[in-house]
Amino acid sequence: MTDQPAQPLLIVDDDATFARVLARALSSRGFEVITASNADEARALTRRHHPRYCVLDLKLGEENGLRLIPELQSLVPDMRVLLLTGYASIATAVEAIKRGAHDYLAKPVDADAVVRALLDGDSATGDDEVMDAPEAPLALRRLEWEHIQRVLTECDGNISETARRLGMHRRTLQRKLSKHPVRERPDGES
């Protein structure tokens, strides 16, 4: 990122210490970081700065970060949202995708994993690549693929019933099924 101008990034987290540490780490990696501690502040900063990226916590005090995803993306349609949570689950990951998140990581998380998740798909290498680190959590697209396959199996391959259970349109499900699952790279490949 050293060749590129600073990329505006919004961090929305009610944990001031975590937000400050992550902001410092991402600033050193070339992002122009702004922080918000609640949904109202996030909306105001998004209107003012039009950030390209957003790192959003699932739990914002009494508020839920999932509800904020479509609101922020309506303000900045091409914003890439990374949802962070200490309460990771497949159901939350699927809901995050449905609402427009580009990726989902469980806390604790390091800044390099955040950068990889934010920039995944921004490069010409394609969307089907996964982080190199073997200890990295499964990519959000991989979690979604596995969940869809599990529900499809439970429904004995019935696409209509699977779509109903997943709460998505049948054509959307068929489109997702026509894509290949996200593959993890074997060790040693770049």
N, C-alpha and C. Protein backbone atom coordinates (compact mmCIF):
# COMPACT_ATOMS: atom_id res chain seq x y z
N MET A 1 0.82 -1.20 0.00
CA MET A 1 0.00 0.00 0.00
C MET A 1 0.85 1.25 0.00
N THR A 2 2.16 1.13 0.00
CA THR A 2 3.02 2.29 0.07
C THR A 2 2.92 3.14 -1.19
N ASP A 3 2.57 2.55 -2.34
CA ASP A 3 2.48 3.30 -3.58
C ASP A 3 1.16 4.04 -3.73
N GLN A 4 0.18 3.69 -2.92
CA GLN A 4 -1.15 4.27 -3.05
C GLN A 4 -1.35 5.39 -2.04
N PRO A 5 -2.24 6.34 -2.36
CA PRO A 5 -2.58 7.35 -1.36
C PRO A 5 -3.33 6.68 -0.21
N ALA A 6 -3.36 7.35 0.94
CA ALA A 6 -4.05 6.81 2.11
C ALA A 6 -5.50 6.49 1.77
N GLN A 7 -5.96 5.33 2.18
CA GLN A 7 -7.34 4.90 1.94
C GLN A 7 -8.17 5.23 3.17
N PRO A 8 -9.28 5.97 3.04
CA PRO A 8 -10.11 6.27 4.20
C PRO A 8 -10.75 5.00 4.76
N LEU A 9 -10.66 4.83 6.08
CA LEU A 9 -11.18 3.65 6.75
C LEU A 9 -11.86 4.08 8.05
N LEU A 10 -13.05 3.57 8.26
CA LEU A 10 -13.82 3.86 9.47
C LEU A 10 -13.78 2.64 10.38
N ILE A 11 -13.39 2.84 11.64
CA ILE A 11 -13.45 1.79 12.66
C ILE A 11 -14.61 2.15 13.58
N VAL A 12 -15.57 1.20 13.74
CA VAL A 12 -16.72 1.41 14.61
C VAL A 12 -16.66 0.34 15.70
N ASP A 13 -16.27 0.76 16.91
CA ASP A 13 -16.14 -0.17 18.03
C ASP A 13 -16.31 0.61 19.33
N ASP A 14 -17.11 0.07 20.25
CA ASP A 14 -17.33 0.77 21.52
C ASP A 14 -16.21 0.51 22.53
N ASP A 15 -15.27 -0.35 22.21
CA ASP A 15 -14.09 -0.59 23.06
C ASP A 15 -13.02 0.40 22.63
N ALA A 16 -12.89 1.51 23.38
CA ALA A 16 -11.99 2.60 23.00
C ALA A 16 -10.54 2.14 22.88
N THR A 17 -10.10 1.28 23.77
CA THR A 17 -8.71 0.81 23.72
C THR A 17 -8.45 -0.01 22.47
N PHE A 18 -9.34 -0.96 22.17
CA PHE A 18 -9.20 -1.78 20.97
C PHE A 18 -9.20 -0.89 19.72
N ALA A 19 -10.14 0.05 19.65
CA ALA A 19 -10.24 0.94 18.49
C ALA A 19 -8.97 1.76 18.31
N ARG A 20 -8.42 2.28 19.41
CA ARG A 20 -7.21 3.10 19.35
C ARG A 20 -6.01 2.27 18.86
N VAL A 21 -5.84 1.05 19.39
CA VAL A 21 -4.73 0.19 18.99
C VAL A 21 -4.86 -0.21 17.52
N LEU A 22 -6.07 -0.61 17.11
CA LEU A 22 -6.29 -1.00 15.72
C LEU A 22 -6.10 0.19 14.78
N ALA A 23 -6.57 1.36 15.19
CA ALA A 23 -6.41 2.57 14.37
C ALA A 23 -4.93 2.88 14.15
N ARG A 24 -4.14 2.79 15.19
CA ARG A 24 -2.70 3.05 15.07
C ARG A 24 -2.06 2.04 14.12
N ALA A 25 -2.41 0.76 14.28
CA ALA A 25 -1.83 -0.28 13.43
C ALA A 25 -2.21 -0.10 11.96
N LEU A 26 -3.48 0.23 11.71
CA LEU A 26 -3.93 0.41 10.32
C LEU A 26 -3.39 1.70 9.71
N SER A 27 -3.21 2.73 10.52
CA SER A 27 -2.60 3.97 10.03
C SER A 27 -1.18 3.70 9.55
N SER A 28 -0.46 2.87 10.30
CA SER A 28 0.92 2.56 9.91
C SER A 28 0.97 1.70 8.65
N ARG A 29 -0.19 1.14 8.25
CA ARG A 29 -0.25 0.32 7.04
C ARG A 29 -0.85 1.10 5.86
N GLY A 30 -0.96 2.42 6.01
CA GLY A 30 -1.34 3.26 4.89
C GLY A 30 -2.79 3.71 4.83
N PHE A 31 -3.58 3.41 5.85
CA PHE A 31 -4.97 3.84 5.85
C PHE A 31 -5.11 5.18 6.58
N GLU A 32 -6.07 5.96 6.14
CA GLU A 32 -6.44 7.20 6.82
C GLU A 32 -7.62 6.83 7.72
N VAL A 33 -7.35 6.66 9.03
CA VAL A 33 -8.32 6.07 9.94
C VAL A 33 -9.13 7.12 10.69
N ILE A 34 -10.45 6.88 10.74
CA ILE A 34 -11.35 7.65 11.59
C ILE A 34 -12.10 6.63 12.45
N THR A 35 -12.45 7.03 13.67
CA THR A 35 -13.09 6.07 14.58
C THR A 35 -14.42 6.61 15.11
N ALA A 36 -15.32 5.67 15.36
CA ALA A 36 -16.62 5.98 15.95
C ALA A 36 -16.88 4.94 17.04
N SER A 37 -17.58 5.37 18.09
CA SER A 37 -17.85 4.43 19.19
C SER A 37 -19.30 3.96 19.22
N ASN A 38 -20.14 4.52 18.32
CA ASN A 38 -21.55 4.10 18.28
C ASN A 38 -22.11 4.31 16.87
N ALA A 39 -23.32 3.85 16.66
CA ALA A 39 -23.94 3.89 15.33
C ALA A 39 -24.18 5.32 14.84
N ASP A 40 -24.64 6.21 15.72
CA ASP A 40 -24.90 7.60 15.30
C ASP A 40 -23.63 8.28 14.83
N GLU A 41 -22.57 8.09 15.58
CA GLU A 41 -21.28 8.67 15.21
C GLU A 41 -20.79 8.07 13.88
N ALA A 42 -20.99 6.77 13.70
CA ALA A 42 -20.58 6.09 12.46
C ALA A 42 -21.32 6.66 11.26
N ARG A 43 -22.62 6.87 11.41
CA ARG A 43 -23.41 7.45 10.30
C ARG A 43 -22.89 8.85 9.95
N ALA A 44 -22.67 9.69 10.97
CA ALA A 44 -22.21 11.06 10.75
C ALA A 44 -20.84 11.08 10.07
N LEU A 45 -19.90 10.25 10.54
CA LEU A 45 -18.56 10.21 9.95
C LEU A 45 -18.60 9.65 8.53
N THR A 46 -19.49 8.71 8.28
CA THR A 46 -19.62 8.15 6.93
C THR A 46 -20.13 9.22 5.97
N ARG A 47 -21.11 10.00 6.41
CA ARG A 47 -21.62 11.09 5.56
C ARG A 47 -20.53 12.11 5.26
N ARG A 48 -19.72 12.41 6.26
CA ARG A 48 -18.70 13.45 6.13
C ARG A 48 -17.48 12.98 5.33
N HIS A 49 -16.99 11.76 5.58
CA HIS A 49 -15.71 11.32 5.02
C HIS A 49 -15.81 10.31 3.88
N HIS A 50 -16.96 9.67 3.68
CA HIS A 50 -17.15 8.67 2.63
C HIS A 50 -16.02 7.63 2.61
N PRO A 51 -15.84 6.90 3.72
CA PRO A 51 -14.74 5.94 3.77
C PRO A 51 -14.93 4.79 2.80
N ARG A 52 -13.83 4.31 2.26
CA ARG A 52 -13.84 3.17 1.33
C ARG A 52 -13.99 1.86 2.09
N TYR A 53 -13.49 1.83 3.34
CA TYR A 53 -13.49 0.62 4.15
C TYR A 53 -14.10 0.91 5.52
N CYS A 54 -14.65 -0.15 6.11
CA CYS A 54 -15.20 -0.04 7.47
C CYS A 54 -14.91 -1.33 8.22
N VAL A 55 -14.38 -1.19 9.43
CA VAL A 55 -14.20 -2.31 10.35
C VAL A 55 -15.24 -2.08 11.44
N LEU A 56 -16.21 -2.98 11.51
CA LEU A 56 -17.40 -2.79 12.34
C LEU A 56 -17.52 -3.90 13.37
N ASP A 57 -17.72 -3.51 14.63
CA ASP A 57 -17.92 -4.49 15.69
C ASP A 57 -19.38 -4.94 15.68
N LEU A 58 -19.60 -6.22 15.99
CA LEU A 58 -20.97 -6.75 16.04
C LEU A 58 -21.76 -6.14 17.18
N LYS A 59 -21.16 -6.07 18.35
CA LYS A 59 -21.84 -5.53 19.54
C LYS A 59 -21.35 -4.11 19.80
N LEU A 60 -22.26 -3.17 19.69
CA LEU A 60 -21.96 -1.76 19.96
C LEU A 60 -22.81 -1.30 21.13
N GLY A 61 -22.48 -1.74 22.33
CA GLY A 61 -23.30 -1.43 23.49
C GLY A 61 -24.64 -2.11 23.33
N GLU A 62 -25.70 -1.30 23.31
CA GLU A 62 -27.06 -1.81 23.13
C GLU A 62 -27.40 -2.02 21.65
N GLU A 63 -26.54 -1.52 20.76
CA GLU A 63 -26.81 -1.59 19.32
C GLU A 63 -26.15 -2.82 18.69
N ASN A 64 -26.62 -3.18 17.51
CA ASN A 64 -26.11 -4.34 16.79
C ASN A 64 -25.48 -3.87 15.48
N GLY A 65 -24.20 -4.24 15.28
CA GLY A 65 -23.48 -3.85 14.07
C GLY A 65 -24.10 -4.39 12.79
N LEU A 66 -24.77 -5.54 12.87
CA LEU A 66 -25.41 -6.11 11.68
C LEU A 66 -26.42 -5.13 11.07
N ARG A 67 -27.18 -4.47 11.92
CA ARG A 67 -28.20 -3.52 11.42
C ARG A 67 -27.56 -2.30 10.77
N LEU A 68 -26.34 -1.99 11.17
CA LEU A 68 -25.67 -0.80 10.66
C LEU A 68 -25.07 -1.01 9.25
N ILE A 69 -24.78 -2.26 8.89
CA ILE A 69 -24.13 -2.54 7.60
C ILE A 69 -24.90 -1.94 6.41
N PRO A 70 -26.20 -2.28 6.23
CA PRO A 70 -26.90 -1.71 5.06
C PRO A 70 -27.04 -0.19 5.13
N GLU A 71 -27.14 0.37 6.33
CA GLU A 71 -27.25 1.83 6.45
C GLU A 71 -25.98 2.51 5.96
N LEU A 72 -24.82 2.00 6.38
CA LEU A 72 -23.56 2.59 5.95
C LEU A 72 -23.35 2.42 4.45
N GLN A 73 -23.74 1.25 3.94
CA GLN A 73 -23.56 1.02 2.50
C GLN A 73 -24.55 1.82 1.66
N SER A 74 -25.67 2.22 2.24
CA SER A 74 -26.57 3.10 1.49
C SER A 74 -25.96 4.50 1.38
N LEU A 75 -25.14 4.87 2.35
CA LEU A 75 -24.46 6.17 2.31
C LEU A 75 -23.24 6.14 1.39
N VAL A 76 -22.51 5.01 1.39
CA VAL A 76 -21.34 4.82 0.53
C VAL A 76 -21.46 3.42 -0.10
N PRO A 77 -22.10 3.33 -1.26
CA PRO A 77 -22.42 2.03 -1.86
C PRO A 77 -21.23 1.09 -2.10
N ASP A 78 -20.04 1.61 -2.39
CA ASP A 78 -18.91 0.72 -2.65
C ASP A 78 -18.05 0.46 -1.41
N MET A 79 -18.56 0.81 -0.23
CA MET A 79 -17.82 0.59 1.02
C MET A 79 -17.67 -0.92 1.27
N ARG A 80 -16.44 -1.34 1.60
CA ARG A 80 -16.17 -2.73 1.98
C ARG A 80 -16.24 -2.81 3.49
N VAL A 81 -17.13 -3.66 4.01
CA VAL A 81 -17.34 -3.77 5.45
C VAL A 81 -16.78 -5.10 5.95
N LEU A 82 -15.97 -5.02 7.00
CA LEU A 82 -15.44 -6.18 7.70
C LEU A 82 -16.10 -6.19 9.07
N LEU A 83 -16.84 -7.25 9.38
CA LEU A 83 -17.50 -7.37 10.68
C LEU A 83 -16.59 -8.13 11.62
N LEU A 84 -16.34 -7.57 12.80
CA LEU A 84 -15.55 -8.23 13.84
C LEU A 84 -16.48 -8.60 14.98
N THR A 85 -16.20 -9.76 15.59
CA THR A 85 -17.01 -10.15 16.73
C THR A 85 -16.26 -11.08 17.66
N GLY A 86 -16.59 -10.99 18.92
CA GLY A 86 -16.10 -11.93 19.91
C GLY A 86 -17.07 -13.08 20.06
N TYR A 87 -18.19 -13.03 19.32
CA TYR A 87 -19.25 -14.03 19.40
C TYR A 87 -19.45 -14.69 18.04
N ALA A 88 -18.41 -15.33 17.53
CA ALA A 88 -18.45 -15.89 16.19
C ALA A 88 -19.37 -17.10 16.10
N SER A 89 -20.15 -17.15 15.02
CA SER A 89 -21.00 -18.31 14.72
C SER A 89 -21.29 -18.32 13.23
N ILE A 90 -21.63 -19.48 12.71
CA ILE A 90 -21.97 -19.59 11.29
C ILE A 90 -23.21 -18.77 10.98
N ALA A 91 -24.20 -18.80 11.88
CA ALA A 91 -25.43 -18.03 11.65
C ALA A 91 -25.13 -16.54 11.54
N THR A 92 -24.25 -16.02 12.40
CA THR A 92 -23.90 -14.61 12.33
C THR A 92 -23.13 -14.31 11.05
N ALA A 93 -22.24 -15.21 10.65
CA ALA A 93 -21.48 -15.02 9.41
C ALA A 93 -22.41 -14.95 8.21
N VAL A 94 -23.38 -15.86 8.15
CA VAL A 94 -24.33 -15.87 7.03
C VAL A 94 -25.17 -14.60 7.04
N GLU A 95 -25.62 -14.18 8.22
CA GLU A 95 -26.42 -12.95 8.32
C GLU A 95 -25.58 -11.73 7.91
N ALA A 96 -24.30 -11.72 8.27
CA ALA A 96 -23.43 -10.61 7.88
C ALA A 96 -23.31 -10.52 6.36
N ILE A 97 -23.18 -11.66 5.68
CA ILE A 97 -23.11 -11.68 4.21
C ILE A 97 -24.41 -11.16 3.62
N LYS A 98 -25.53 -11.65 4.14
CA LYS A 98 -26.83 -11.23 3.62
C LYS A 98 -27.01 -9.72 3.73
N ARG A 99 -26.48 -9.14 4.78
CA ARG A 99 -26.64 -7.70 4.99
C ARG A 99 -25.59 -6.86 4.27
N GLY A 100 -24.61 -7.53 3.63
CA GLY A 100 -23.66 -6.78 2.81
C GLY A 100 -22.22 -6.76 3.28
N ALA A 101 -21.87 -7.45 4.36
CA ALA A 101 -20.47 -7.49 4.80
C ALA A 101 -19.64 -8.24 3.77
N HIS A 102 -18.41 -7.82 3.59
CA HIS A 102 -17.51 -8.48 2.65
C HIS A 102 -16.71 -9.58 3.32
N ASP A 103 -16.55 -9.47 4.64
CA ASP A 103 -15.84 -10.50 5.38
C ASP A 103 -16.22 -10.40 6.85
N TYR A 104 -15.75 -11.39 7.61
CA TYR A 104 -16.16 -11.56 8.99
C TYR A 104 -15.00 -12.21 9.71
N LEU A 105 -14.52 -11.60 10.80
CA LEU A 105 -13.42 -12.18 11.57
C LEU A 105 -13.78 -12.20 13.05
N ALA A 106 -13.28 -13.23 13.73
CA ALA A 106 -13.50 -13.35 15.16
C ALA A 106 -12.38 -12.63 15.91
N LYS A 107 -12.75 -11.93 16.99
CA LYS A 107 -11.76 -11.31 17.86
C LYS A 107 -11.18 -12.38 18.77
N PRO A 108 -9.98 -12.26 19.21
CA PRO A 108 -9.00 -11.22 18.89
C PRO A 108 -8.47 -11.41 17.47
N VAL A 109 -8.09 -10.29 16.86
CA VAL A 109 -7.63 -10.31 15.47
C VAL A 109 -6.45 -9.36 15.37
N ASP A 110 -5.50 -9.71 14.49
CA ASP A 110 -4.36 -8.80 14.31
C ASP A 110 -4.59 -7.91 13.09
N ALA A 111 -3.84 -6.84 13.03
CA ALA A 111 -4.02 -5.85 11.97
C ALA A 111 -3.75 -6.41 10.58
N ASP A 112 -2.81 -7.33 10.45
CA ASP A 112 -2.52 -7.92 9.13
C ASP A 112 -3.72 -8.71 8.62
N ALA A 113 -4.39 -9.45 9.51
CA ALA A 113 -5.59 -10.19 9.10
C ALA A 113 -6.69 -9.23 8.67
N VAL A 114 -6.81 -8.10 9.36
CA VAL A 114 -7.81 -7.08 9.01
C VAL A 114 -7.51 -6.53 7.62
N VAL A 115 -6.25 -6.19 7.36
CA VAL A 115 -5.87 -5.64 6.05
C VAL A 115 -6.15 -6.65 4.94
N ARG A 116 -5.78 -7.91 5.17
CA ARG A 116 -6.03 -8.94 4.14
C ARG A 116 -7.53 -9.07 3.87
N ALA A 117 -8.34 -9.06 4.93
CA ALA A 117 -9.79 -9.19 4.76
C ALA A 117 -10.37 -7.98 4.03
N LEU A 118 -9.89 -6.80 4.34
CA LEU A 118 -10.41 -5.59 3.69
C LEU A 118 -10.03 -5.52 2.22
N LEU A 119 -8.81 -5.93 1.90
CA LEU A 119 -8.32 -5.79 0.53
C LEU A 119 -8.61 -7.00 -0.33
N ASP A 120 -9.08 -8.11 0.26
CA ASP A 120 -9.41 -9.30 -0.51
C ASP A 120 -10.47 -8.95 -1.54
N GLY A 121 -10.16 -9.18 -2.80
CA GLY A 121 -11.12 -8.86 -3.86
C GLY A 121 -10.85 -7.50 -4.49
N ASP A 122 -10.05 -6.65 -3.84
CA ASP A 122 -9.70 -5.36 -4.43
C ASP A 122 -8.60 -5.50 -5.47
N SER A 123 -7.83 -6.59 -5.40
CA SER A 123 -6.71 -6.77 -6.31
C SER A 123 -7.15 -7.57 -7.53
N ALA A 124 -6.28 -7.68 -8.49
CA ALA A 124 -6.59 -8.41 -9.72
C ALA A 124 -6.44 -9.92 -9.55
N THR A 125 -6.00 -10.38 -8.37
CA THR A 125 -5.77 -11.81 -8.18
C THR A 125 -7.06 -12.59 -8.05
N GLY A 126 -8.17 -11.94 -7.78
CA GLY A 126 -9.46 -12.63 -7.74
C GLY A 126 -9.98 -12.84 -6.34
N ASP A 127 -11.24 -13.23 -6.26
CA ASP A 127 -11.92 -13.39 -4.99
C ASP A 127 -11.76 -14.77 -4.37
N ASP A 128 -11.23 -15.74 -5.09
CA ASP A 128 -11.23 -17.10 -4.59
C ASP A 128 -9.99 -17.45 -3.78
N GLU A 129 -9.24 -16.46 -3.36
CA GLU A 129 -8.06 -16.74 -2.56
C GLU A 129 -8.37 -16.52 -1.09
N VAL A 130 -7.67 -17.27 -0.26
CA VAL A 130 -7.86 -17.21 1.18
C VAL A 130 -6.52 -16.85 1.81
N MET A 131 -6.56 -16.31 3.01
CA MET A 131 -5.35 -15.92 3.71
C MET A 131 -4.33 -17.05 3.76
N ASP A 132 -3.04 -16.68 3.75
CA ASP A 132 -1.97 -17.66 3.78
C ASP A 132 -1.83 -18.34 5.13
N ALA A 133 -2.10 -17.63 6.20
CA ALA A 133 -1.84 -18.15 7.54
C ALA A 133 -2.69 -19.38 7.82
N PRO A 134 -2.05 -20.50 8.18
CA PRO A 134 -2.83 -21.72 8.43
C PRO A 134 -3.74 -21.58 9.64
N GLU A 135 -3.41 -20.69 10.59
CA GLU A 135 -4.25 -20.53 11.76
C GLU A 135 -5.38 -19.52 11.53
N ALA A 136 -5.44 -18.95 10.34
CA ALA A 136 -6.47 -17.96 10.04
C ALA A 136 -7.85 -18.61 10.03
N PRO A 137 -8.87 -17.90 10.51
CA PRO A 137 -10.21 -18.47 10.47
C PRO A 137 -10.67 -18.64 9.02
N LEU A 138 -11.66 -19.49 8.82
CA LEU A 138 -12.19 -19.69 7.48
C LEU A 138 -12.72 -18.38 6.93
N ALA A 139 -12.54 -18.17 5.64
CA ALA A 139 -13.07 -16.98 5.00
C ALA A 139 -14.59 -17.00 5.05
N LEU A 140 -15.17 -15.84 5.07
CA LEU A 140 -16.62 -15.71 5.15
C LEU A 140 -17.31 -16.45 4.01
N ARG A 141 -16.78 -16.35 2.80
CA ARG A 141 -17.39 -17.04 1.66
C ARG A 141 -17.33 -18.55 1.86
N ARG A 142 -16.27 -19.04 2.46
CA ARG A 142 -16.15 -20.48 2.71
C ARG A 142 -17.18 -20.94 3.76
N LEU A 143 -17.34 -20.13 4.82
CA LEU A 143 -18.33 -20.46 5.84
C LEU A 143 -19.73 -20.50 5.23
N GLU A 144 -20.03 -19.51 4.38
CA GLU A 144 -21.34 -19.48 3.74
C GLU A 144 -21.53 -20.72 2.87
N TRP A 145 -20.52 -21.07 2.07
CA TRP A 145 -20.61 -22.23 1.18
C TRP A 145 -20.89 -23.49 2.00
N GLU A 146 -20.15 -23.67 3.09
CA GLU A 146 -20.33 -24.87 3.92
C GLU A 146 -21.71 -24.91 4.56
N HIS A 147 -22.20 -23.76 5.00
CA HIS A 147 -23.54 -23.71 5.60
C HIS A 147 -24.60 -24.07 4.56
N ILE A 148 -24.49 -23.51 3.36
CA ILE A 148 -25.45 -23.81 2.28
C ILE A 148 -25.42 -25.31 1.98
N GLN A 149 -24.23 -25.88 1.89
CA GLN A 149 -24.13 -27.31 1.59
C GLN A 149 -24.76 -28.17 2.68
N ARG A 150 -24.57 -27.76 3.93
CA ARG A 150 -25.15 -28.50 5.05
C ARG A 150 -26.68 -28.47 4.99
N VAL A 151 -27.24 -27.29 4.75
CA VAL A 151 -28.70 -27.16 4.67
C VAL A 151 -29.23 -27.90 3.44
N LEU A 152 -28.53 -27.82 2.33
CA LEU A 152 -28.93 -28.53 1.11
C LEU A 152 -28.98 -30.05 1.37
N THR A 153 -28.01 -30.56 2.09
CA THR A 153 -27.98 -31.98 2.43
C THR A 153 -29.16 -32.34 3.33
N GLU A 154 -29.45 -31.48 4.32
CA GLU A 154 -30.59 -31.72 5.21
C GLU A 154 -31.90 -31.75 4.44
N CYS A 155 -31.96 -31.01 3.33
CA CYS A 155 -33.17 -30.93 2.52
C CYS A 155 -33.15 -31.95 1.38
N ASP A 156 -32.25 -32.90 1.42
CA ASP A 156 -32.12 -33.94 0.40
C ASP A 156 -31.98 -33.36 -1.00
N GLY A 157 -31.25 -32.25 -1.13
CA GLY A 157 -31.00 -31.66 -2.43
C GLY A 157 -32.11 -30.80 -3.00
N ASN A 158 -33.18 -30.59 -2.23
CA ASN A 158 -34.30 -29.78 -2.69
C ASN A 158 -33.94 -28.30 -2.62
N ILE A 159 -33.75 -27.69 -3.80
CA ILE A 159 -33.31 -26.29 -3.88
C ILE A 159 -34.36 -25.35 -3.28
N SER A 160 -35.63 -25.56 -3.59
CA SER A 160 -36.69 -24.66 -3.09
C SER A 160 -36.75 -24.68 -1.57
N GLU A 161 -36.71 -25.86 -0.98
CA GLU A 161 -36.76 -25.97 0.48
C GLU A 161 -35.51 -25.38 1.11
N THR A 162 -34.36 -25.61 0.51
CA THR A 162 -33.10 -25.05 1.02
C THR A 162 -33.16 -23.52 0.99
N ALA A 163 -33.63 -22.95 -0.11
CA ALA A 163 -33.75 -21.50 -0.22
C ALA A 163 -34.69 -20.95 0.84
N ARG A 164 -35.81 -21.64 1.06
CA ARG A 164 -36.77 -21.22 2.10
C ARG A 164 -36.10 -21.20 3.47
N ARG A 165 -35.38 -22.27 3.80
CA ARG A 165 -34.72 -22.37 5.11
C ARG A 165 -33.62 -21.33 5.29
N LEU A 166 -32.94 -20.99 4.20
CA LEU A 166 -31.86 -20.00 4.27
C LEU A 166 -32.38 -18.57 4.17
N GLY A 167 -33.66 -18.43 3.83
CA GLY A 167 -34.24 -17.09 3.72
C GLY A 167 -33.71 -16.31 2.52
N MET A 168 -33.44 -17.02 1.43
CA MET A 168 -32.98 -16.32 0.22
C MET A 168 -33.81 -16.78 -0.98
N HIS A 169 -33.75 -15.99 -2.01
CA HIS A 169 -34.47 -16.31 -3.24
C HIS A 169 -33.85 -17.54 -3.87
N ARG A 170 -34.68 -18.36 -4.52
CA ARG A 170 -34.22 -19.60 -5.15
C ARG A 170 -33.13 -19.35 -6.18
N ARG A 171 -33.28 -18.30 -7.00
CA ARG A 171 -32.28 -17.99 -8.02
C ARG A 171 -30.95 -17.57 -7.40
N THR A 172 -31.02 -16.83 -6.29
CA THR A 172 -29.80 -16.44 -5.59
C THR A 172 -29.06 -17.67 -5.10
N LEU A 173 -29.80 -18.62 -4.54
CA LEU A 173 -29.20 -19.86 -4.08
C LEU A 173 -28.58 -20.63 -5.25
N GLN A 174 -29.29 -20.72 -6.36
CA GLN A 174 -28.74 -21.43 -7.52
C GLN A 174 -27.46 -20.77 -8.02
N ARG A 175 -27.43 -19.44 -8.01
CA ARG A 175 -26.22 -18.71 -8.43
C ARG A 175 -25.05 -19.04 -7.49
N LYS A 176 -25.32 -19.05 -6.19
CA LYS A 176 -24.26 -19.37 -5.22
C LYS A 176 -23.78 -20.81 -5.38
N LEU A 177 -24.70 -21.71 -5.69
CA LEU A 177 -24.33 -23.12 -5.85
C LEU A 177 -23.54 -23.35 -7.14
N SER A 178 -23.73 -22.49 -8.14
CA SER A 178 -23.01 -22.68 -9.39
C SER A 178 -21.55 -22.25 -9.28
N LYS A 179 -21.23 -21.46 -8.24
CA LYS A 179 -19.84 -21.05 -8.02
C LYS A 179 -19.11 -22.17 -7.29
N HIS A 180 -17.82 -22.25 -7.54
CA HIS A 180 -17.01 -23.25 -6.85
C HIS A 180 -16.74 -22.76 -5.44
N PRO A 181 -16.56 -23.68 -4.49
CA PRO A 181 -16.26 -23.25 -3.12
C PRO A 181 -14.90 -22.58 -3.07
N VAL A 182 -14.72 -21.71 -2.09
CA VAL A 182 -13.44 -21.05 -1.90
C VAL A 182 -12.42 -22.11 -1.50
N ARG A 183 -11.33 -22.15 -2.23
CA ARG A 183 -10.30 -23.16 -1.95
C ARG A 183 -9.20 -22.55 -1.13
N GLU A 184 -8.68 -23.31 -0.20
CA GLU A 184 -7.52 -22.86 0.57
C GLU A 184 -6.29 -23.23 -0.24
N ARG A 185 -5.30 -22.35 -0.21
CA ARG A 185 -4.08 -22.61 -0.98
C ARG A 185 -3.20 -23.62 -0.25
N PRO A 186 -2.66 -24.58 -0.99
CA PRO A 186 -1.71 -25.51 -0.37
C PRO A 186 -0.48 -24.77 0.11
N ASP A 187 0.19 -25.29 1.14
CA ASP A 187 1.41 -24.66 1.66
C ASP A 187 2.43 -24.51 0.55
N GLY A 188 3.12 -23.38 0.57
CA GLY A 188 4.19 -23.16 -0.40
C GLY A 188 3.76 -22.42 -1.64
N GLU A 189 2.46 -22.33 -1.93
CA GLU A 189 2.01 -21.58 -3.12
C GLU A 189 1.88 -20.12 -2.76
N SER A 190 2.04 -19.24 -3.75
CA SER A 190 1.82 -17.82 -3.49
C SER A 190 0.73 -17.25 -4.30
